[in-house]
């Protein structure tokens, strides 16, 4: 009987410890689209052995007026897409199928890297 009580106490204390540790971990996590306070602030976040760089900016992908954490790859992908789109516009009728394929790839990369919550 004492052994069962000790096991139950150990399990409940582990469960309680895990629950109290969760809010502290969740509070420090950064994801794309979360509000931030200081423009151009940069945070490095490690996830599964990789380091991701987030920047506090008004995300040009969305028409939000608030500052949000944005993955740096998203900002690069937006710039590359805008450059490809400007190139297609400048070429006009002279644009080749390769140019339009590159624009499509740039659009896909932008959409994948700018998802909220990443």
Protein backbone atom coordinates (compact mmCIF):
# COMPACT_ATOMS: atom_id res chain seq x y z
CA UNK A 1 0.00 0.00 0.00
CA UNK A 2 2.81 2.44 0.88
CA UNK A 3 4.56 1.61 -2.38
CA UNK A 4 1.45 2.56 -4.43
CA UNK A 5 1.10 5.80 -2.50
CA UNK A 6 4.76 6.71 -3.14
CA UNK A 7 4.41 5.95 -6.83
CA UNK A 8 1.24 8.05 -7.05
CA UNK A 9 2.97 10.90 -5.21
CA UNK A 10 6.00 10.72 -7.52
CA UNK A 11 3.85 10.75 -10.64
CA UNK A 12 1.73 13.65 -9.43
CA UNK A 13 4.81 15.69 -8.49
CA UNK A 14 6.34 15.08 -11.93
CA UNK A 15 3.08 16.09 -13.57
CA UNK A 16 2.88 19.26 -11.46
CA UNK A 17 6.49 20.14 -12.29
CA UNK A 18 5.83 19.71 -16.00
CA UNK A 19 2.76 21.93 -15.83
CA UNK A 20 4.57 24.74 -14.03
CA UNK A 21 7.46 24.60 -16.52
CA UNK A 22 5.18 24.94 -19.55
CA UNK A 23 4.18 28.61 -19.24
CA UNK A 24 7.80 29.76 -18.89
CA UNK A 25 8.81 27.86 -22.03
CA UNK A 26 5.78 28.98 -24.01
CA UNK A 27 6.32 32.61 -23.03
CA UNK A 28 9.85 32.66 -24.49
CA UNK A 29 8.93 30.99 -27.78
CA UNK A 30 8.78 33.26 -30.81
CA UNK A 31 6.73 32.55 -33.90
CA UNK A 32 6.03 34.54 -37.04
CA UNK A 33 3.09 36.86 -36.60
CA UNK A 34 3.43 37.38 -32.86
CA UNK A 35 3.42 40.97 -31.66
CA UNK A 36 6.71 42.58 -30.74
CA UNK A 37 7.51 45.95 -29.23
CA UNK A 38 10.79 47.30 -30.63
CA UNK A 39 11.21 47.83 -34.38
CA UNK A 40 14.24 46.11 -35.96
CA UNK A 41 14.89 44.00 -32.86
CA UNK A 42 16.47 40.66 -33.76
CA UNK A 43 16.15 37.33 -31.95
CA UNK A 44 17.85 34.04 -32.70
CA UNK A 45 15.73 30.99 -31.92
CA UNK A 46 17.09 27.46 -31.80
CA UNK A 47 14.70 24.72 -32.90
CA UNK A 48 15.68 21.10 -33.55
CA UNK A 49 19.35 21.98 -33.89
CA UNK A 50 18.77 24.84 -36.33
CA UNK A 51 19.02 28.55 -35.55
CA UNK A 52 16.33 30.81 -37.00
CA UNK A 53 16.56 34.59 -37.10
CA UNK A 54 13.42 36.63 -36.42
CA UNK A 55 13.14 40.38 -36.92
CA UNK A 56 10.57 42.75 -35.42
CA UNK A 57 9.08 44.56 -38.43
CA UNK A 58 5.82 45.44 -40.13
CA UNK A 59 5.57 42.38 -42.36
CA UNK A 60 5.31 43.62 -45.96
CA UNK A 61 3.51 40.40 -46.97
CA UNK A 62 0.44 41.38 -44.98
CA UNK A 63 -1.28 44.73 -44.60
CA UNK A 64 -0.92 44.72 -40.84
CA UNK A 65 0.08 47.98 -39.24
CA UNK A 66 1.52 46.38 -36.13
CA UNK A 67 5.03 45.18 -35.49
CA UNK A 68 5.36 41.40 -35.60
CA UNK A 69 8.15 38.85 -35.40
CA UNK A 70 8.98 37.87 -38.98
CA UNK A 71 11.33 35.12 -40.10
CA UNK A 72 14.30 36.64 -41.91
CA UNK A 73 13.92 34.10 -44.75
CA UNK A 74 10.42 35.52 -45.29
CA UNK A 75 11.79 39.03 -45.76
CA UNK A 76 14.39 37.73 -48.24
CA UNK A 77 11.76 35.72 -50.14
CA UNK A 78 9.49 38.79 -50.41
CA UNK A 79 12.37 40.84 -51.83
CA UNK A 80 13.25 38.10 -54.34
CA UNK A 81 9.61 37.79 -55.45
CA UNK A 82 9.27 41.55 -55.90
CA UNK A 83 12.52 41.62 -57.92
CA UNK A 84 11.31 38.77 -60.16
CA UNK A 85 7.95 40.47 -60.66
CA UNK A 86 9.66 43.75 -61.58
CA UNK A 87 11.84 41.87 -64.08
CA UNK A 88 8.78 40.29 -65.74
CA UNK A 89 7.10 43.69 -65.93
CA UNK A 90 10.21 45.29 -67.42
CA UNK A 91 10.59 42.53 -70.03
CA UNK A 92 6.93 42.71 -71.01
CA UNK A 93 6.32 40.63 -74.13
CA UNK A 94 9.99 39.60 -74.21
CA UNK A 95 9.60 37.56 -71.01
CA UNK A 96 10.31 33.88 -71.57
CA UNK A 97 8.63 30.85 -70.04
CA UNK A 98 11.73 30.47 -67.84
CA UNK A 99 11.14 33.96 -66.44
CA UNK A 100 7.53 33.13 -65.57
CA UNK A 101 8.60 29.79 -64.02
CA UNK A 102 11.14 31.62 -61.86
CA UNK A 103 8.43 34.05 -60.79
CA UNK A 104 6.21 31.10 -59.85
CA UNK A 105 9.02 29.52 -57.80
CA UNK A 106 9.69 32.83 -56.06
CA UNK A 107 5.97 33.08 -55.23
CA UNK A 108 5.94 29.54 -53.77
CA UNK A 109 9.05 30.23 -51.69
CA UNK A 110 7.53 33.46 -50.39
CA UNK A 111 4.27 31.73 -49.47
CA UNK A 112 6.04 28.86 -47.68
CA UNK A 113 8.48 30.99 -45.70
CA UNK A 114 5.93 33.64 -44.66
CA UNK A 115 3.30 31.43 -43.07
CA UNK A 116 2.17 32.66 -39.68
CA UNK A 117 3.31 30.53 -36.77
CA UNK A 118 6.60 29.36 -38.23
